[in-house]
PDB file of N, CA and C in Angstrom:
ATOM      1  N   UNK A   1      91.875  48.092  95.657  1.00  0.00           N
ATOM      2  CA  UNK A   1      90.661  48.726  95.625  1.00  0.00           C
ATOM      3  C   UNK A   1      89.749  48.127  96.642  1.00  0.00           C
ATOM      4  N   UNK A   2      89.125  48.871  97.375  1.00  0.00           N
ATOM      5  CA  UNK A   2      87.898  48.353  98.238  1.00  0.00           C
ATOM      6  C   UNK A   2      86.561  49.240  97.915  1.00  0.00           C
ATOM      7  N   UNK A   3      85.471  48.780  98.197  1.00  0.00           N
ATOM      8  CA  UNK A   3      84.216  49.304  97.708  1.00  0.00           C
ATOM      9  C   UNK A   3      83.138  49.239  98.866  1.00  0.00           C
ATOM     10  N   UNK A   4      82.394  50.213  99.015  1.00  0.00           N
ATOM     11  CA  UNK A   4      81.461  50.205  99.986  1.00  0.00           C
ATOM     12  C   UNK A   4      80.137  50.937  99.378  1.00  0.00           C
ATOM     13  N   UNK A   5      79.120  50.140  99.179  1.00  0.00           N
ATOM     14  CA  UNK A   5      77.823  50.645  98.596  1.00  0.00           C
ATOM     15  C   UNK A   5      76.860  51.379  99.753  1.00  0.00           C
ATOM     16  N   UNK A   6      76.299  52.569  99.195  1.00  0.00           N
ATOM     17  CA  UNK A   6      75.338  53.178 100.301  1.00  0.00           C
ATOM     18  C   UNK A   6      74.109  53.229  99.572  1.00  0.00           C
ATOM     19  N   UNK A   7      73.007  53.442 100.751  1.00  0.00           N
ATOM     20  CA  UNK A   7      71.703  53.632 100.178  1.00  0.00           C
ATOM     21  C   UNK A   7      71.361  54.824 100.992  1.00  0.00           C
ATOM     22  N   UNK A   8      70.845  55.779 100.441  1.00  0.00           N
ATOM     23  CA  UNK A   8      70.406  57.055 101.123  1.00  0.00           C
ATOM     24  C   UNK A   8      71.487  57.536 102.226  1.00  0.00           C
ATOM     25  N   UNK A   9      72.879  57.395 101.792  1.00  0.00           N
ATOM     26  CA  UNK A   9      73.948  57.860 102.670  1.00  0.00           C
ATOM     27  C   UNK A   9      74.426  56.959 103.663  1.00  0.00           C
ATOM     28  N   UNK A  10      73.748  55.655 103.844  1.00  0.00           N
ATOM     29  CA  UNK A  10      74.014  54.724 104.821  1.00  0.00           C
ATOM     30  C   UNK A  10      74.635  53.579 104.296  1.00  0.00           C
ATOM     31  N   UNK A  11      75.714  52.918 104.790  1.00  0.00           N
ATOM     32  CA  UNK A  11      76.405  51.836 104.343  1.00  0.00           C
ATOM     33  C   UNK A  11      75.406  50.647 104.217  1.00  0.00           C
ATOM     34  N   UNK A  12      75.393  49.926 102.973  1.00  0.00           N
ATOM     35  CA  UNK A  12      74.850  48.812 102.942  1.00  0.00           C
ATOM     36  C   UNK A  12      75.271  47.451 103.377  1.00  0.00           C
ATOM     37  N   UNK A  13      75.129  46.772 104.551  1.00  0.00           N
ATOM     38  CA  UNK A  13      75.877  45.767 105.059  1.00  0.00           C
ATOM     39  C   UNK A  13      76.151  44.518 103.944  1.00  0.00           C
ATOM     40  N   UNK A  14      77.528  44.227 103.753  1.00  0.00           N
ATOM     41  CA  UNK A  14      77.853  43.279 102.867  1.00  0.00           C
ATOM     42  C   UNK A  14      77.849  43.576 101.514  1.00  0.00           C
ATOM     43  N   UNK A  15      77.697  45.004 101.167  1.00  0.00           N
ATOM     44  CA  UNK A  15      77.650  45.596  99.751  1.00  0.00           C
ATOM     45  C   UNK A  15      79.049  46.013  99.425  1.00  0.00           C
ATOM     46  N   UNK A  16      80.169  45.151  99.206  1.00  0.00           N
ATOM     47  CA  UNK A  16      81.413  45.751  99.039  1.00  0.00           C
ATOM     48  C   UNK A  16      82.097  45.163  97.731  1.00  0.00           C
ATOM     49  N   UNK A  17      81.389  44.741  96.849  1.00  0.00           N
ATOM     50  CA  UNK A  17      81.956  44.525  95.514  1.00  0.00           C
ATOM     51  C   UNK A  17      81.829  45.594  94.608  1.00  0.00           C
ATOM     52  N   UNK A  18      82.653  45.555  93.401  1.00  0.00           N
ATOM     53  CA  UNK A  18      82.683  46.660  92.618  1.00  0.00           C
ATOM     54  C   UNK A  18      81.238  46.874  91.950  1.00  0.00           C
ATOM     55  N   UNK A  19      80.380  45.920  91.687  1.00  0.00           N
ATOM     56  CA  UNK A  19      79.210  45.940  91.172  1.00  0.00           C
ATOM     57  C   UNK A  19      78.070  45.559  92.297  1.00  0.00           C
ATOM     58  N   UNK A  20      77.085  46.428  92.388  1.00  0.00           N
ATOM     59  CA  UNK A  20      75.887  46.267  93.159  1.00  0.00           C
ATOM     60  C   UNK A  20      74.774  45.700  92.476  1.00  0.00           C
ATOM     61  N   UNK A  21      74.302  44.545  92.601  1.00  0.00           N
ATOM     62  CA  UNK A  21      73.083  43.844  91.940  1.00  0.00           C
ATOM     63  C   UNK A  21      72.110  43.724  93.090  1.00  0.00           C
ATOM     64  N   UNK A  22      70.952  44.236  92.871  1.00  0.00           N
ATOM     65  CA  UNK A  22      69.512  44.101  93.518  1.00  0.00           C
ATOM     66  C   UNK A  22      68.594  43.570  92.698  1.00  0.00           C
ATOM     67  N   UNK A  23      67.775  42.681  93.463  1.00  0.00           N
ATOM     68  CA  UNK A  23      66.691  42.136  92.787  1.00  0.00           C
ATOM     69  C   UNK A  23      65.630  41.940  93.648  1.00  0.00           C
ATOM     70  N   UNK A  24      64.366  41.720  93.144  1.00  0.00           N
ATOM     71  CA  UNK A  24      63.146  41.437  93.985  1.00  0.00           C
ATOM     72  C   UNK A  24      63.026  42.614  94.938  1.00  0.00           C
ATOM     73  N   UNK A  25      62.879  43.811  94.562  1.00  0.00           N
ATOM     74  CA  UNK A  25      63.048  44.909  95.561  1.00  0.00           C
ATOM     75  C   UNK A  25      61.620  45.410  96.009  1.00  0.00           C
ATOM     76  N   UNK A  26      61.611  45.603  97.269  1.00  0.00           N
ATOM     77  CA  UNK A  26      60.403  46.279  97.926  1.00  0.00           C
ATOM     78  C   UNK A  26      60.413  47.736  97.372  1.00  0.00           C
ATOM     79  N   UNK A  27      59.303  48.337  97.440  1.00  0.00           N
ATOM     80  CA  UNK A  27      58.883  49.598  97.098  1.00  0.00           C
ATOM     81  C   UNK A  27      59.669  50.544  98.008  1.00  0.00           C
ATOM     82  N   UNK A  28      60.103  50.184  99.322  1.00  0.00           N
ATOM     83  CA  UNK A  28      61.020  51.108 100.159  1.00  0.00           C
ATOM     84  C   UNK A  28      62.538  50.889  99.661  1.00  0.00           C
ATOM     85  N   UNK A  29      62.894  50.367  98.673  1.00  0.00           N
ATOM     86  CA  UNK A  29      64.106  50.260  98.247  1.00  0.00           C
ATOM     87  C   UNK A  29      64.289  51.368  97.209  1.00  0.00           C
ATOM     88  N   UNK A  30      63.478  52.151  96.982  1.00  0.00           N
ATOM     89  CA  UNK A  30      63.685  53.252  96.013  1.00  0.00           C
ATOM     90  C   UNK A  30      64.607  54.373  96.772  1.00  0.00           C
ATOM     91  N   UNK A  31      65.238  55.041  96.076  1.00  0.00           N
ATOM     92  CA  UNK A  31      66.371  56.131  96.659  1.00  0.00           C
ATOM     93  C   UNK A  31      67.568  56.194  95.946  1.00  0.00           C
ATOM     94  N   UNK A  32      68.565  56.757  96.900  1.00  0.00           N
ATOM     95  CA  UNK A  32      69.957  57.175  96.253  1.00  0.00           C
ATOM     96  C   UNK A  32      70.811  56.253  96.667  1.00  0.00           C
ATOM     97  N   UNK A  33      71.577  55.770  95.489  1.00  0.00           N
ATOM     98  CA  UNK A  33      72.535  54.782  95.807  1.00  0.00           C
ATOM     99  C   UNK A  33      73.895  55.379  95.202  1.00  0.00           C
ATOM    100  N   UNK A  34      74.937  54.888  95.986  1.00  0.00           N
ATOM    101  CA  UNK A  34      76.334  55.593  95.715  1.00  0.00           C
ATOM    102  C   UNK A  34      77.489  54.609  96.211  1.00  0.00           C
ATOM    103  N   UNK A  35      78.651  54.587  95.710  1.00  0.00           N
ATOM    104  CA  UNK A  35      79.799  53.838  96.247  1.00  0.00           C
ATOM    105  C   UNK A  35      80.912  54.861  96.677  1.00  0.00           C
ATOM    106  N   UNK A  36      81.374  54.370  97.627  1.00  0.00           N
ATOM    107  CA  UNK A  36      82.776  54.732  98.326  1.00  0.00           C
ATOM    108  C   UNK A  36      83.928  53.794  97.846  1.00  0.00           C
ATOM    109  N   UNK A  37      84.725  54.157  96.875  1.00  0.00           N
ATOM    110  CA  UNK A  37      85.654  53.443  96.179  1.00  0.00           C
ATOM    111  C   UNK A  37      87.110  53.925  97.020  1.00  0.00           C
ATOM    112  N   UNK A  38      87.755  53.053  97.582  1.00  0.00           N
ATOM    113  CA  UNK A  38      89.036  53.410  98.274  1.00  0.00           C
ATOM    114  C   UNK A  38      90.377  52.645  97.915  1.00  0.00           C
ATOM    115  N   UNK A  39      91.408  53.276  97.792  1.00  0.00           N
ATOM    116  CA  UNK A  39      92.735  52.485  97.744  1.00  0.00           C
ATOM    117  C   UNK A  39      93.546  53.292  98.556  1.00  0.00           C
ATOM    118  N   UNK A  40      94.954  52.926  98.533  1.00  0.00           N
ATOM    119  CA  UNK A  40      95.895  53.362  99.562  1.00  0.00           C
ATOM    120  C   UNK A  40      96.027  54.892  99.344  1.00  0.00           C
ATOM    121  N   UNK A  41      95.764  55.583  98.320  1.00  0.00           N
ATOM    122  CA  UNK A  41      95.893  57.065  98.056  1.00  0.00           C
ATOM    123  C   UNK A  41      94.593  57.618  98.533  1.00  0.00           C
ATOM    124  N   UNK A  42      93.614  56.943  98.902  1.00  0.00           N
ATOM    125  CA  UNK A  42      92.301  57.763  99.370  1.00  0.00           C
ATOM    126  C   UNK A  42      91.052  57.260  98.802  1.00  0.00           C
ATOM    127  N   UNK A  43      90.209  57.925  99.087  1.00  0.00           N
ATOM    128  CA  UNK A  43      88.623  57.629  98.644  1.00  0.00           C
ATOM    129  C   UNK A  43      87.905  58.570  97.770  1.00  0.00           C
ATOM    130  N   UNK A  44      87.013  58.066  97.085  1.00  0.00           N
ATOM    131  CA  UNK A  44      86.343  58.930  96.290  1.00  0.00           C
ATOM    132  C   UNK A  44      84.752  58.485  96.319  1.00  0.00           C
ATOM    133  N   UNK A  45      83.978  59.245  96.234  1.00  0.00           N
ATOM    134  CA  UNK A  45      82.337  58.934  96.353  1.00  0.00           C
ATOM    135  C   UNK A  45      81.788  59.144  94.876  1.00  0.00           C
ATOM    136  N   UNK A  46      81.089  58.100  94.274  1.00  0.00           N
ATOM    137  CA  UNK A  46      80.741  58.165  93.193  1.00  0.00           C
ATOM    138  C   UNK A  46      79.527  59.112  92.997  1.00  0.00           C
ATOM    139  N   UNK A  47      78.846  59.289  91.732  1.00  0.00           N
ATOM    140  CA  UNK A  47      77.756  60.228  91.594  1.00  0.00           C
ATOM    141  C   UNK A  47      76.572  59.428  92.285  1.00  0.00           C
ATOM    142  N   UNK A  48      75.468  59.985  92.687  1.00  0.00           N
ATOM    143  CA  UNK A  48      74.207  59.434  93.048  1.00  0.00           C
ATOM    144  C   UNK A  48      73.513  58.862  91.850  1.00  0.00           C
ATOM    145  N   UNK A  49      73.202  57.548  91.885  1.00  0.00           N
ATOM    146  CA  UNK A  49      72.292  56.893  91.157  1.00  0.00           C
ATOM    147  C   UNK A  49      70.996  56.692  91.849  1.00  0.00           C
ATOM    148  N   UNK A  50      69.918  57.423  91.211  1.00  0.00           N
ATOM    149  CA  UNK A  50      68.522  57.449  91.896  1.00  0.00           C
ATOM    150  C   UNK A  50      67.952  56.127  91.275  1.00  0.00           C
ATOM    151  N   UNK A  51      67.210  55.403  92.313  1.00  0.00           N
ATOM    152  CA  UNK A  51      66.456  54.254  91.829  1.00  0.00           C
ATOM    153  C   UNK A  51      65.081  54.368  92.126  1.00  0.00           C
ATOM    154  N   UNK A  52      64.174  54.029  91.085  1.00  0.00           N
ATOM    155  CA  UNK A  52      62.935  54.130  91.244  1.00  0.00           C
ATOM    156  C   UNK A  52      62.244  52.560  91.314  1.00  0.00           C
ATOM    157  N   UNK A  53      61.457  52.216  92.085  1.00  0.00           N
ATOM    158  CA  UNK A  53      60.802  50.788  92.116  1.00  0.00           C
ATOM    159  C   UNK A  53      59.502  50.932  91.628  1.00  0.00           C
ATOM    160  N   UNK A  54      59.071  50.454  90.557  1.00  0.00           N
ATOM    161  CA  UNK A  54      57.743  50.474  90.097  1.00  0.00           C
ATOM    162  C   UNK A  54      57.197  48.904  90.318  1.00  0.00           C
ATOM    163  N   UNK A  55      55.810  48.950  90.760  1.00  0.00           N
ATOM    164  CA  UNK A  55      55.087  47.837  90.866  1.00  0.00           C
ATOM    165  C   UNK A  55      53.866  47.895  89.678  1.00  0.00           C
ATOM    166  N   UNK A  56      53.779  46.476  89.164  1.00  0.00           N
ATOM    167  CA  UNK A  56      52.624  46.481  88.212  1.00  0.00           C
ATOM    168  C   UNK A  56      51.465  46.646  88.926  1.00  0.00           C
ATOM    169  N   UNK A  57      50.318  47.311  88.153  1.00  0.00           N
ATOM    170  CA  UNK A  57      49.049  47.734  88.869  1.00  0.00           C
ATOM    171  C   UNK A  57      48.486  46.307  89.391  1.00  0.00           C
ATOM    172  N   UNK A  58      47.661  46.734  90.424  1.00  0.00           N
ATOM    173  CA  UNK A  58      46.830  45.437  90.926  1.00  0.00           C
ATOM    174  C   UNK A  58      45.646  45.346  89.910  1.00  0.00           C
ATOM    175  N   UNK A  59      45.370  43.959  89.754  1.00  0.00           N
ATOM    176  CA  UNK A  59      44.285  43.733  88.888  1.00  0.00           C
ATOM    177  C   UNK A  59      43.092  43.107  89.609  1.00  0.00           C
ATOM    178  N   UNK A  60      41.851  43.700  89.555  1.00  0.00           N
ATOM    179  CA  UNK A  60      40.623  42.961  90.040  1.00  0.00           C
ATOM    180  C   UNK A  60      40.399  41.852  89.080  1.00  0.00           C
ATOM    181  N   UNK A  61      40.245  40.517  89.349  1.00  0.00           N
ATOM    182  CA  UNK A  61      39.951  39.578  88.415  1.00  0.00           C
ATOM    183  C   UNK A  61      38.308  39.608  88.281  1.00  0.00           C
ATOM    184  N   UNK A  62      38.021  40.136  87.049  1.00  0.00           N
ATOM    185  CA  UNK A  62      36.617  40.363  86.701  1.00  0.00           C
ATOM    186  C   UNK A  62      36.029  39.282  86.189  1.00  0.00           C
ATOM    187  N   UNK A  63      36.542  38.014  86.040  1.00  0.00           N
ATOM    188  CA  UNK A  63      35.872  36.776  85.726  1.00  0.00           C
ATOM    189  C   UNK A  63      34.739  36.471  86.662  1.00  0.00           C
ATOM    190  N   UNK A  64      33.755  35.470  86.134  1.00  0.00           N
ATOM    191  CA  UNK A  64      32.522  34.829  86.986  1.00  0.00           C
ATOM    192  C   UNK A  64      33.210  34.558  88.354  1.00  0.00           C
ATOM    193  N   UNK A  65      34.179  33.813  88.381  1.00  0.00           N
ATOM    194  CA  UNK A  65      34.834  33.352  89.761  1.00  0.00           C
ATOM    195  C   UNK A  65      35.506  34.170  90.482  1.00  0.00           C
ATOM    196  N   UNK A  66      36.111  35.524  89.869  1.00  0.00           N
ATOM    197  CA  UNK A  66      37.038  36.295  90.553  1.00  0.00           C
ATOM    198  C   UNK A  66      36.112  37.604  91.118  1.00  0.00           C
ATOM    199  N   UNK A  67      35.038  37.752  90.580  1.00  0.00           N
ATOM    200  CA  UNK A  67      34.134  38.909  91.401  1.00  0.00           C
ATOM    201  C   UNK A  67      32.579  38.373  91.328  1.00  0.00           C
ATOM    202  N   UNK A  68      31.979  38.167  92.526  1.00  0.00           N
ATOM    203  CA  UNK A  68      30.706  37.654  92.529  1.00  0.00           C
ATOM    204  C   UNK A  68      30.021  38.060  93.984  1.00  0.00           C
ATOM    205  N   UNK A  69      28.722  38.098  93.840  1.00  0.00           N
ATOM    206  CA  UNK A  69      28.022  38.328  94.922  1.00  0.00           C
ATOM    207  C   UNK A  69      27.458  37.014  95.527  1.00  0.00           C
ATOM    208  N   UNK A  70      27.777  36.483  96.694  1.00  0.00           N
ATOM    209  CA  UNK A  70      27.252  35.176  97.174  1.00  0.00           C
ATOM    210  C   UNK A  70      26.416  35.566  98.603  1.00  0.00           C
ATOM    211  N   UNK A  71      25.924  34.412  98.938  1.00  0.00           N
ATOM    212  CA  UNK A  71      25.165  34.621 100.226  1.00  0.00           C
ATOM    213  C   UNK A  71      25.880  35.070 101.550  1.00  0.00           C
ATOM    214  N   UNK A  72      27.233  35.116 101.420  1.00  0.00           N
ATOM    215  CA  UNK A  72      28.139  35.443 102.197  1.00  0.00           C
ATOM    216  C   UNK A  72      28.613  36.776 102.181  1.00  0.00           C
ATOM    217  N   UNK A  73      28.454  37.470 100.999  1.00  0.00           N
ATOM    218  CA  UNK A  73      28.715  38.688 100.730  1.00  0.00           C
ATOM    219  C   UNK A  73      29.600  38.944  99.301  1.00  0.00           C
ATOM    220  N   UNK A  74      30.197  40.126  99.136  1.00  0.00           N
ATOM    221  CA  UNK A  74      30.873  40.320  97.927  1.00  0.00           C
ATOM    222  C   UNK A  74      32.268  39.527  97.860  1.00  0.00           C
ATOM    223  N   UNK A  75      32.554  38.578  96.968  1.00  0.00           N
ATOM    224  CA  UNK A  75      33.800  37.818  96.921  1.00  0.00           C
ATOM    225  C   UNK A  75      34.593  38.549  95.463  1.00  0.00           C
ATOM    226  N   UNK A  76      35.696  38.723  95.868  1.00  0.00           N
ATOM    227  CA  UNK A  76      36.433  39.329  94.838  1.00  0.00           C
ATOM    228  C   UNK A  76      37.892  38.873  94.946  1.00  0.00           C
ATOM    229  N   UNK A  77      38.686  38.591  93.679  1.00  0.00           N
ATOM    230  CA  UNK A  77      40.067  38.396  93.848  1.00  0.00           C
ATOM    231  C   UNK A  77      41.022  39.321  93.042  1.00  0.00           C
ATOM    232  N   UNK A  78      41.978  39.675  93.869  1.00  0.00           N
ATOM    233  CA  UNK A  78      43.207  40.546  93.552  1.00  0.00           C
ATOM    234  C   UNK A  78      44.288  39.789  92.718  1.00  0.00           C
ATOM    235  N   UNK A  79      44.844  40.240  91.666  1.00  0.00           N
ATOM    236  CA  UNK A  79      45.903  39.451  91.033  1.00  0.00           C
ATOM    237  C   UNK A  79      47.031  40.574  90.904  1.00  0.00           C
ATOM    238  N   UNK A  80      48.162  39.713  90.554  1.00  0.00           N
ATOM    239  CA  UNK A  80      49.450  40.752  90.398  1.00  0.00           C
ATOM    240  C   UNK A  80      50.016  41.233  91.702  1.00  0.00           C
ATOM    241  N   UNK A  81      49.874  40.531  92.903  1.00  0.00           N
ATOM    242  CA  UNK A  81      50.378  40.972  94.183  1.00  0.00           C
ATOM    243  C   UNK A  81      52.040  40.658  94.243  1.00  0.00           C
ATOM    244  N   UNK A  82      52.590  41.511  94.539  1.00  0.00           N
ATOM    245  CA  UNK A  82      54.118  41.367  94.441  1.00  0.00           C
ATOM    246  C   UNK A  82      54.999  40.998  95.944  1.00  0.00           C
ATOM    247  N   UNK A  83      54.176  40.978  96.812  1.00  0.00           N
ATOM    248  CA  UNK A  83      54.522  40.493  98.173  1.00  0.00           C
ATOM    249  C   UNK A  83      55.119  41.622  98.978  1.00  0.00           C
ATOM    250  N   UNK A  84      55.008  42.967  98.564  1.00  0.00           N
ATOM    251  CA  UNK A  84      55.631  43.830  99.342  1.00  0.00           C
ATOM    252  C   UNK A  84      54.517  44.921  99.783  1.00  0.00           C
ATOM    253  N   UNK A  85      54.227  44.907 101.108  1.00  0.00           N
ATOM    254  CA  UNK A  85      53.206  45.876 101.533  1.00  0.00           C
ATOM    255  C   UNK A  85      52.092  45.120 101.904  1.00  0.00           C
ATOM    256  N   UNK A  86      51.284  45.564 102.726  1.00  0.00           N
ATOM    257  CA  UNK A  86      49.902  45.097 103.245  1.00  0.00           C
ATOM    258  C   UNK A  86      48.968  45.505 101.970  1.00  0.00           C
ATOM    259  N   UNK A  87      48.028  44.512 102.036  1.00  0.00           N
ATOM    260  CA  UNK A  87      46.776  44.543 101.081  1.00  0.00           C
ATOM    261  C   UNK A  87      45.654  45.224 102.020  1.00  0.00           C
ATOM    262  N   UNK A  88      45.227  46.288 101.651  1.00  0.00           N
ATOM    263  CA  UNK A  88      44.129  46.930 102.497  1.00  0.00           C
ATOM    264  C   UNK A  88      42.872  47.231 101.522  1.00  0.00           C
ATOM    265  N   UNK A  89      41.730  46.689 101.943  1.00  0.00           N
ATOM    266  CA  UNK A  89      40.498  46.951 101.244  1.00  0.00           C
ATOM    267  C   UNK A  89      39.961  48.138 101.813  1.00  0.00           C
ATOM    268  N   UNK A  90      39.613  49.537 101.403  1.00  0.00           N
ATOM    269  CA  UNK A  90      38.831  50.350 102.041  1.00  0.00           C
ATOM    270  C   UNK A  90      37.357  50.403 101.400  1.00  0.00           C
ATOM    271  N   UNK A  91      36.313  50.898 102.182  1.00  0.00           N
ATOM    272  CA  UNK A  91      34.873  50.879 101.679  1.00  0.00           C
ATOM    273  C   UNK A  91      34.410  52.373 102.363  1.00  0.00           C
ATOM    274  N   UNK A  92      33.330  52.698 101.497  1.00  0.00           N
ATOM    275  CA  UNK A  92      32.758  53.952 102.071  1.00  0.00           C
ATOM    276  C   UNK A  92      31.234  53.976 101.518  1.00  0.00           C
ATOM    277  N   UNK A  93      30.383  54.724 102.308  1.00  0.00           N
ATOM    278  CA  UNK A  93      28.963  54.658 101.932  1.00  0.00           C
ATOM    279  C   UNK A  93      28.521  56.110 101.221  1.00  0.00           C
ATOM    280  N   UNK A  94      29.546  56.887 101.244  1.00  0.00           N
ATOM    281  CA  UNK A  94      29.424  58.287 100.762  1.00  0.00           C
ATOM    282  C   UNK A  94      30.459  58.859  99.732  1.00  0.00           C
ATOM    283  N   UNK A  95      31.599  58.045  99.388  1.00  0.00           N
ATOM    284  CA  UNK A  95      32.717  58.509  98.640  1.00  0.00           C
ATOM    285  C   UNK A  95      33.573  59.459  99.388  1.00  0.00           C
ATOM    286  N   UNK A  96      33.355  59.779 100.548  1.00  0.00           N
ATOM    287  CA  UNK A  96      34.038  60.837 101.141  1.00  0.00           C
ATOM    288  C   UNK A  96      34.776  60.378 102.377  1.00  0.00           C
ATOM    289  N   UNK A  97      34.276  59.507 103.053  1.00  0.00           N
ATOM    290  CA  UNK A  97      34.786  58.947 104.301  1.00  0.00           C
ATOM    291  C   UNK A  97      35.025  57.349 103.984  1.00  0.00           C
ATOM    292  N   UNK A  98      36.170  56.990 103.960  1.00  0.00           N
ATOM    293  CA  UNK A  98      36.730  55.647 103.766  1.00  0.00           C
ATOM    294  C   UNK A  98      37.115  54.934 104.956  1.00  0.00           C
ATOM    295  N   UNK A  99      36.942  53.716 105.160  1.00  0.00           N
ATOM    296  CA  UNK A  99      37.320  52.775 106.365  1.00  0.00           C
ATOM    297  C   UNK A  99      37.946  51.576 105.799  1.00  0.00           C
ATOM    298  N   UNK A 100      38.996  51.306 106.434  1.00  0.00           N
ATOM    299  CA  UNK A 100      39.561  49.806 106.105  1.00  0.00           C
ATOM    300  C   UNK A 100      38.710  48.718 106.762  1.00  0.00           C
ATOM    301  N   UNK A 101      38.139  48.005 105.721  1.00  0.00           N
ATOM    302  CA  UNK A 101      37.344  46.743 106.026  1.00  0.00           C
ATOM    303  C   UNK A 101      38.171  45.486 106.124  1.00  0.00           C
ATOM    304  N   UNK A 102      39.350  45.439 105.404  1.00  0.00           N
ATOM    305  CA  UNK A 102      40.180  44.271 105.320  1.00  0.00           C
ATOM    306  C   UNK A 102      41.652  44.650 105.189  1.00  0.00           C
ATOM    307  N   UNK A 103      42.302  43.920 105.967  1.00  0.00           N
ATOM    308  CA  UNK A 103      43.985  43.891 105.907  1.00  0.00           C
ATOM    309  C   UNK A 103      44.678  42.785 106.003  1.00  0.00           C
ATOM    310  N   UNK A 104      45.495  42.570 104.997  1.00  0.00           N
ATOM    311  CA  UNK A 104      46.161  41.227 104.939  1.00  0.00           C
ATOM    312  C   UNK A 104      47.643  41.429 104.673  1.00  0.00           C
ATOM    313  N   UNK A 105      48.564  40.621 105.415  1.00  0.00           N
ATOM    314  CA  UNK A 105      49.980  40.585 105.319  1.00  0.00           C
ATOM    315  C   UNK A 105      50.504  40.659 103.641  1.00  0.00           C
ATOM    316  N   UNK A 106      51.545  41.061 103.339  1.00  0.00           N
ATOM    317  CA  UNK A 106      52.069  40.937 101.875  1.00  0.00           C
ATOM    318  C   UNK A 106      51.831  39.564 101.434  1.00  0.00           C
ATOM    319  N   UNK A 107      51.478  39.437 100.219  1.00  0.00           N
ATOM    320  CA  UNK A 107      50.989  38.175  99.492  1.00  0.00           C
ATOM    321  C   UNK A 107      51.752  38.285  97.866  1.00  0.00           C
ATOM    322  N   UNK A 108      52.204  37.233  97.399  1.00  0.00           N
ATOM    323  CA  UNK A 108      52.679  37.069  96.163  1.00  0.00           C
ATOM    324  C   UNK A 108      51.480  36.315  95.234  1.00  0.00           C
ATOM    325  N   UNK A 109      51.081  36.850  94.257  1.00  0.00           N
ATOM    326  CA  UNK A 109      50.295  36.179  93.302  1.00  0.00           C
ATOM    327  C   UNK A 109      48.907  36.743  93.399  1.00  0.00           C
ATOM    328  N   UNK A 110      48.072  35.875  93.914  1.00  0.00           N
ATOM    329  CA  UNK A 110      46.503  36.511  93.951  1.00  0.00           C
ATOM    330  C   UNK A 110      45.971  36.211  95.588  1.00  0.00           C
ATOM    331  N   UNK A 111      44.787  36.877  95.758  1.00  0.00           N
ATOM    332  CA  UNK A 111      44.363  36.974  97.095  1.00  0.00           C
ATOM    333  C   UNK A 111      42.862  36.934  97.014  1.00  0.00           C
ATOM    334  N   UNK A 112      42.082  36.175  97.733  1.00  0.00           N
ATOM    335  CA  UNK A 112      40.734  36.182  97.740  1.00  0.00           C
ATOM    336  C   UNK A 112      40.321  37.124  98.783  1.00  0.00           C
ATOM    337  N   UNK A 113      39.343  38.003  98.392  1.00  0.00           N
ATOM    338  CA  UNK A 113      38.778  38.869  99.721  1.00  0.00           C
ATOM    339  C   UNK A 113      37.330  38.421  99.611  1.00  0.00           C
ATOM    340  N   UNK A 114      36.553  38.675 100.782  1.00  0.00           N
ATOM    341  CA  UNK A 114      35.279  38.529 101.111  1.00  0.00           C
ATOM    342  C   UNK A 114      34.750  39.760 102.149  1.00  0.00           C
ATOM    343  N   UNK A 115      33.854  40.561 101.349  1.00  0.00           N
ATOM    344  CA  UNK A 115      33.419  41.769 102.315  1.00  0.00           C
ATOM    345  C   UNK A 115      31.975  41.149 102.611  1.00  0.00           C
ATOM    346  N   UNK A 116      31.664  40.720 103.917  1.00  0.00           N
ATOM    347  CA  UNK A 116      30.376  40.243 104.327  1.00  0.00           C
ATOM    348  C   UNK A 116      29.224  41.080 103.919  1.00  0.00           C
ATOM    349  N   UNK A 117      28.064  40.574 103.710  1.00  0.00           N
ATOM    350  CA  UNK A 117      26.724  41.358 103.288  1.00  0.00           C
ATOM    351  C   UNK A 117      26.543  42.230 104.993  1.00  0.00           C
ATOM    352  N   UNK A 118      26.155  43.365 104.524  1.00  0.00           N
ATOM    353  CA  UNK A 118      25.713  44.228 105.541  1.00  0.00           C
ATOM    354  C   UNK A 118      24.533  45.028 105.418  1.00  0.00           C
ATOM    355  N   UNK A 119      23.905  45.802 106.529  1.00  0.00           N
ATOM    356  CA  UNK A 119      22.730  46.414 106.254  1.00  0.00           C
ATOM    357  C   UNK A 119      22.977  47.767 105.635  1.00  0.00           C
ATOM    358  N   UNK A 120      23.977  48.057 105.095  1.00  0.00           N
ATOM    359  CA  UNK A 120      24.321  49.463 104.578  1.00  0.00           C
ATOM    360  C   UNK A 120      23.747  49.442 103.038  1.00  0.00           C
ATOM    361  N   UNK A 121      23.045  50.474 102.875  1.00  0.00           N
ATOM    362  CA  UNK A 121      22.046  50.356 101.481  1.00  0.00           C
ATOM    363  C   UNK A 121      23.087  50.660 100.325  1.00  0.00           C
ATOM    364  N   UNK A 122      24.158  51.233 100.591  1.00  0.00           N
ATOM    365  CA  UNK A 122      25.197  51.308  99.323  1.00  0.00           C
ATOM    366  C   UNK A 122      26.403  51.507  99.896  1.00  0.00           C
ATOM    367  N   UNK A 123      27.313  50.735  99.303  1.00  0.00           N
ATOM    368  CA  UNK A 123      28.869  50.745  99.742  1.00  0.00           C
ATOM    369  C   UNK A 123      29.677  50.573  98.503  1.00  0.00           C
ATOM    370  N   UNK A 124      30.828  51.402  98.637  1.00  0.00           N
ATOM    371  CA  UNK A 124      31.775  51.431  97.379  1.00  0.00           C
ATOM    372  C   UNK A 124      33.084  51.032  97.790  1.00  0.00           C
TER     373      UNK A 124
END
């Protein structure tokens, strides 16, 4: 017997064992998985298994050291980062129009953010 695992209809390189084991998945790994099993008599395609990848919610550290206003601006800490995807902080002065004010590459664990003090009377 030979096996070839597929993700969304495309062969997964090196995935040729009878069992597919996946770990530490990015959110982009969510989708349809199936296996082509073959022998000298032919091939069969297994039923589709749909995988959902959930990430724990990001947490703002509400402790005194995790969220504070300093002379440099608003300092805050995010916890629970999984290392998958950019960390982007958006701000708005009217809750309708939002702009990215901070972008960071993927991080595992926690990340300190600083929003410098500005002349805007209100910012969310």
